[in-house]
C-alpha atoms as a PDB file:
ATOM      1  CA  UNK A   1      11.609  -1.218 -21.091  1.00  0.00           C
ATOM      2  CA  UNK A   2      10.491  -3.705 -23.707  1.00  0.00           C
ATOM      3  CA  UNK A   3       9.235  -1.992 -26.859  1.00  0.00           C
ATOM      4  CA  UNK A   4       5.993  -3.416 -28.184  1.00  0.00           C
ATOM      5  CA  UNK A   5       3.884  -1.853 -30.926  1.00  0.00           C
ATOM      6  CA  UNK A   6       1.559  -0.506 -28.223  1.00  0.00           C
ATOM      7  CA  UNK A   7       4.339   1.097 -26.163  1.00  0.00           C
ATOM      8  CA  UNK A   8       5.914   2.613 -29.278  1.00  0.00           C
ATOM      9  CA  UNK A   9       2.544   4.108 -30.203  1.00  0.00           C
ATOM     10  CA  UNK A  10       1.970   5.508 -26.698  1.00  0.00           C
ATOM     11  CA  UNK A  11       5.530   6.868 -26.503  1.00  0.00           C
ATOM     12  CA  UNK A  12       5.198   8.610 -29.858  1.00  0.00           C
ATOM     13  CA  UNK A  13       1.761  10.039 -29.020  1.00  0.00           C
ATOM     14  CA  UNK A  14       3.094  11.438 -25.740  1.00  0.00           C
ATOM     15  CA  UNK A  15       6.203  12.848 -27.439  1.00  0.00           C
ATOM     16  CA  UNK A  16       4.166  14.555 -30.170  1.00  0.00           C
ATOM     17  CA  UNK A  17       1.634  15.976 -27.709  1.00  0.00           C
ATOM     18  CA  UNK A  18       4.278  17.364 -25.351  1.00  0.00           C
ATOM     19  CA  UNK A  19       6.241  18.858 -28.258  1.00  0.00           C
ATOM     20  CA  UNK A  20       3.100  20.594 -29.486  1.00  0.00           C
ATOM     21  CA  UNK A  21       2.171  21.792 -25.996  1.00  0.00           C
ATOM     22  CA  UNK A  22       5.634  23.244 -25.341  1.00  0.00           C
ATOM     23  CA  UNK A  23       5.620  24.941 -28.731  1.00  0.00           C
ATOM     24  CA  UNK A  24       2.116  26.420 -28.696  1.00  0.00           C
ATOM     25  CA  UNK A  25       0.669  26.411 -25.179  1.00  0.00           C
ATOM     26  CA  UNK A  26       3.509  27.381 -22.841  1.00  0.00           C
ATOM     27  CA  UNK A  27       4.643  31.003 -22.993  1.00  0.00           C
ATOM     28  CA  UNK A  28       8.007  30.749 -21.263  1.00  0.00           C
ATOM     29  CA  UNK A  29      11.083  32.268 -22.926  1.00  0.00           C
ATOM     30  CA  UNK A  30      13.243  29.576 -21.305  1.00  0.00           C
ATOM     31  CA  UNK A  31      11.495  27.058 -23.556  1.00  0.00           C
ATOM     32  CA  UNK A  32      12.232  28.772 -26.869  1.00  0.00           C
ATOM     33  CA  UNK A  33      13.705  26.361 -29.428  1.00  0.00           C
ATOM     34  CA  UNK A  34      13.266  23.311 -27.187  1.00  0.00           C
ATOM     35  CA  UNK A  35      13.014  20.018 -29.063  1.00  0.00           C
ATOM     36  CA  UNK A  36      11.313  16.988 -27.520  1.00  0.00           C
ATOM     37  CA  UNK A  37      13.393  14.117 -28.883  1.00  0.00           C
ATOM     38  CA  UNK A  38      11.648  11.160 -27.248  1.00  0.00           C
ATOM     39  CA  UNK A  39       9.354   9.983 -24.480  1.00  0.00           C
ATOM     40  CA  UNK A  40       9.336   6.674 -22.644  1.00  0.00           C
ATOM     41  CA  UNK A  41       6.162   5.857 -20.750  1.00  0.00           C
ATOM     42  CA  UNK A  42       6.320   3.174 -18.065  1.00  0.00           C
ATOM     43  CA  UNK A  43       4.329  -0.012 -18.644  1.00  0.00           C
ATOM     44  CA  UNK A  44       1.729   1.006 -16.046  1.00  0.00           C
ATOM     45  CA  UNK A  45       1.469   4.484 -17.670  1.00  0.00           C
ATOM     46  CA  UNK A  46       2.287   6.215 -14.375  1.00  0.00           C
ATOM     47  CA  UNK A  47       5.579   7.870 -15.385  1.00  0.00           C
ATOM     48  CA  UNK A  48       6.817   9.410 -18.620  1.00  0.00           C
ATOM     49  CA  UNK A  49      10.513  10.157 -19.037  1.00  0.00           C
ATOM     50  CA  UNK A  50      10.692  12.966 -21.579  1.00  0.00           C
ATOM     51  CA  UNK A  51      13.996  13.710 -23.329  1.00  0.00           C
ATOM     52  CA  UNK A  52      14.569  17.235 -24.586  1.00  0.00           C
ATOM     53  CA  UNK A  53      17.346  19.239 -26.157  1.00  0.00           C
ATOM     54  CA  UNK A  54      18.055  22.800 -27.183  1.00  0.00           C
ATOM     55  CA  UNK A  55      20.923  24.587 -28.824  1.00  0.00           C
ATOM     56  CA  UNK A  56      23.291  25.914 -26.185  1.00  0.00           C
ATOM     57  CA  UNK A  57      25.590  25.132 -23.310  1.00  0.00           C
ATOM     58  CA  UNK A  58      25.114  23.671 -19.822  1.00  0.00           C
ATOM     59  CA  UNK A  59      23.577  26.918 -18.532  1.00  0.00           C
ATOM     60  CA  UNK A  60      21.044  26.812 -21.355  1.00  0.00           C
ATOM     61  CA  UNK A  61      20.133  23.214 -20.457  1.00  0.00           C
ATOM     62  CA  UNK A  62      19.698  24.103 -16.784  1.00  0.00           C
ATOM     63  CA  UNK A  63      17.500  27.057 -17.759  1.00  0.00           C
ATOM     64  CA  UNK A  64      15.449  24.840 -20.082  1.00  0.00           C
ATOM     65  CA  UNK A  65      14.917  22.176 -17.390  1.00  0.00           C
ATOM     66  CA  UNK A  66      13.893  24.862 -14.875  1.00  0.00           C
ATOM     67  CA  UNK A  67      11.315  26.147 -17.368  1.00  0.00           C
ATOM     68  CA  UNK A  68       9.960  22.649 -17.973  1.00  0.00           C
ATOM     69  CA  UNK A  69       9.766  21.953 -14.240  1.00  0.00           C
ATOM     70  CA  UNK A  70       7.799  25.149 -13.646  1.00  0.00           C
ATOM     71  CA  UNK A  71       5.384  24.312 -16.487  1.00  0.00           C
ATOM     72  CA  UNK A  72       5.148  20.597 -15.660  1.00  0.00           C
ATOM     73  CA  UNK A  73       1.641  20.807 -14.147  1.00  0.00           C
ATOM     74  CA  UNK A  74       0.207  22.684 -17.123  1.00  0.00           C
ATOM     75  CA  UNK A  75       1.926  20.368 -19.606  1.00  0.00           C
ATOM     76  CA  UNK A  76       0.574  17.310 -17.781  1.00  0.00           C
ATOM     77  CA  UNK A  77      -2.944  18.746 -17.657  1.00  0.00           C
ATOM     78  CA  UNK A  78      -2.944  19.510 -21.382  1.00  0.00           C
ATOM     79  CA  UNK A  79      -1.387  16.114 -22.141  1.00  0.00           C
ATOM     80  CA  UNK A  80      -4.304  14.432 -20.333  1.00  0.00           C
ATOM     81  CA  UNK A  81      -6.746  16.216 -22.617  1.00  0.00           C
ATOM     82  CA  UNK A  82      -4.865  15.422 -25.833  1.00  0.00           C
ATOM     83  CA  UNK A  83      -3.833  11.801 -25.335  1.00  0.00           C
ATOM     84  CA  UNK A  84      -6.616   9.483 -24.162  1.00  0.00           C
ATOM     85  CA  UNK A  85      -5.146   7.332 -21.380  1.00  0.00           C
ATOM     86  CA  UNK A  86      -6.561   5.928 -18.181  1.00  0.00           C
ATOM     87  CA  UNK A  87      -3.884   7.829 -16.245  1.00  0.00           C
ATOM     88  CA  UNK A  88      -1.941  10.905 -17.223  1.00  0.00           C
ATOM     89  CA  UNK A  89       1.662  10.044 -16.416  1.00  0.00           C
ATOM     90  CA  UNK A  90       3.885  11.995 -14.061  1.00  0.00           C
ATOM     91  CA  UNK A  91       6.380  13.866 -16.243  1.00  0.00           C
ATOM     92  CA  UNK A  92      10.128  13.703 -15.721  1.00  0.00           C
ATOM     93  CA  UNK A  93      12.331  15.778 -17.994  1.00  0.00           C
ATOM     94  CA  UNK A  94      15.892  14.884 -18.988  1.00  0.00           C
ATOM     95  CA  UNK A  95      18.429  16.457 -21.321  1.00  0.00           C
ATOM     96  CA  UNK A  96      19.042  14.272 -24.376  1.00  0.00           C
ATOM     97  CA  UNK A  97      22.805  14.483 -24.786  1.00  0.00           C
ATOM     98  CA  UNK A  98      23.023  12.194 -27.825  1.00  0.00           C
ATOM     99  CA  UNK A  99      22.662  15.113 -30.221  1.00  0.00           C
ATOM    100  CA  UNK A 100      25.515  16.974 -28.514  1.00  0.00           C
ATOM    101  CA  UNK A 101      27.668  13.859 -28.750  1.00  0.00           C
ATOM    102  CA  UNK A 102      26.867  13.543 -32.440  1.00  0.00           C
ATOM    103  CA  UNK A 103      27.752  17.181 -33.016  1.00  0.00           C
ATOM    104  CA  UNK A 104      31.084  16.775 -31.169  1.00  0.00           C
ATOM    105  CA  UNK A 105      31.845  13.700 -33.264  1.00  0.00           C
ATOM    106  CA  UNK A 106      31.020  15.552 -36.481  1.00  0.00           C
ATOM    107  CA  UNK A 107      33.299  18.416 -35.420  1.00  0.00           C
ATOM    108  CA  UNK A 108      36.102  15.962 -34.613  1.00  0.00           C
ATOM    109  CA  UNK A 109      35.707  14.290 -38.002  1.00  0.00           C
ATOM    110  CA  UNK A 110      36.189  17.652 -39.707  1.00  0.00           C
ATOM    111  CA  UNK A 111      39.757  17.602 -38.371  1.00  0.00           C
ATOM    112  CA  UNK A 112      40.562  14.305 -40.136  1.00  0.00           C
ATOM    113  CA  UNK A 113      42.816  14.988 -43.135  1.00  0.00           C
ATOM    114  CA  UNK A 114      41.110  14.328 -46.494  1.00  0.00           C
ATOM    115  CA  UNK A 115      43.741  11.719 -47.350  1.00  0.00           C
ATOM    116  CA  UNK A 116      42.605   9.568 -44.409  1.00  0.00           C
ATOM    117  CA  UNK A 117      38.839   9.921 -44.794  1.00  0.00           C
ATOM    118  CA  UNK A 118      38.365   7.060 -47.267  1.00  0.00           C
ATOM    119  CA  UNK A 119      41.597   5.186 -46.631  1.00  0.00           C
ATOM    120  CA  UNK A 120      41.559   1.418 -46.244  1.00  0.00           C
ATOM    121  CA  UNK A 121      43.067  -0.047 -43.078  1.00  0.00           C
ATOM    122  CA  UNK A 122      46.677  -1.225 -43.391  1.00  0.00           C
ATOM    123  CA  UNK A 123      45.745  -4.861 -42.761  1.00  0.00           C
ATOM    124  CA  UNK A 124      42.537  -5.052 -44.803  1.00  0.00           C
ATOM    125  CA  UNK A 125      42.526  -8.871 -44.764  1.00  0.00           C
ATOM    126  CA  UNK A 126      41.713  -8.821 -41.055  1.00  0.00           C
ATOM    127  CA  UNK A 127      39.146  -6.053 -41.372  1.00  0.00           C
ATOM    128  CA  UNK A 128      36.291  -8.554 -41.404  1.00  0.00           C
ATOM    129  CA  UNK A 129      34.623  -7.111 -44.477  1.00  0.00           C
ATOM    130  CA  UNK A 130      35.524  -9.934 -46.865  1.00  0.00           C
ATOM    131  CA  UNK A 131      32.885 -12.394 -47.981  1.00  0.00           C
ATOM    132  CA  UNK A 132      33.772 -15.890 -46.657  1.00  0.00           C
ATOM    133  CA  UNK A 133      31.700 -17.464 -49.437  1.00  0.00           C
ATOM    134  CA  UNK A 134      33.796 -15.769 -52.145  1.00  0.00           C
ATOM    135  CA  UNK A 135      35.161 -18.580 -54.439  1.00  0.00           C
ATOM    136  CA  UNK A 136      38.452 -16.733 -54.981  1.00  0.00           C
ATOM    137  CA  UNK A 137      39.052 -16.682 -51.238  1.00  0.00           C
ATOM    138  CA  UNK A 138      38.088 -20.363 -50.871  1.00  0.00           C
ATOM    139  CA  UNK A 139      40.718 -21.352 -53.443  1.00  0.00           C
ATOM    140  CA  UNK A 140      43.398 -19.635 -51.406  1.00  0.00           C
ATOM    141  CA  UNK A 141      43.749 -16.565 -53.625  1.00  0.00           C
ATOM    142  CA  UNK A 142      44.035 -13.604 -51.320  1.00  0.00           C
END
């Protein structure tokens, strides 16, 4: 969906409201430590895709989504009171796996030997990081 200033504002308002509702208004132990990472509301405001994450494994994610599904009606009702919109969007919850991917990448980078962490590539001339406007390079000095 195209991001305009209006859609960014609506998305952020919906994300903040749902995060607050889950934190303070829904008493479900399956929703402990749930983080609402983003929300994308359709252009006609009829559907909101809400991305959430929590610390844990696949079972934890399934449990979290079950809790959100069971509280969906209450969350939507409270959202309608907090965010002034013509329609209160239908809520769809999804696990945001980008944080897990980032954590796996960070763990993998821990295994890189210190000698390779800041090493230059073997063929640094082809690395693409040289300035083509550099006078030394223009004169043929490489």
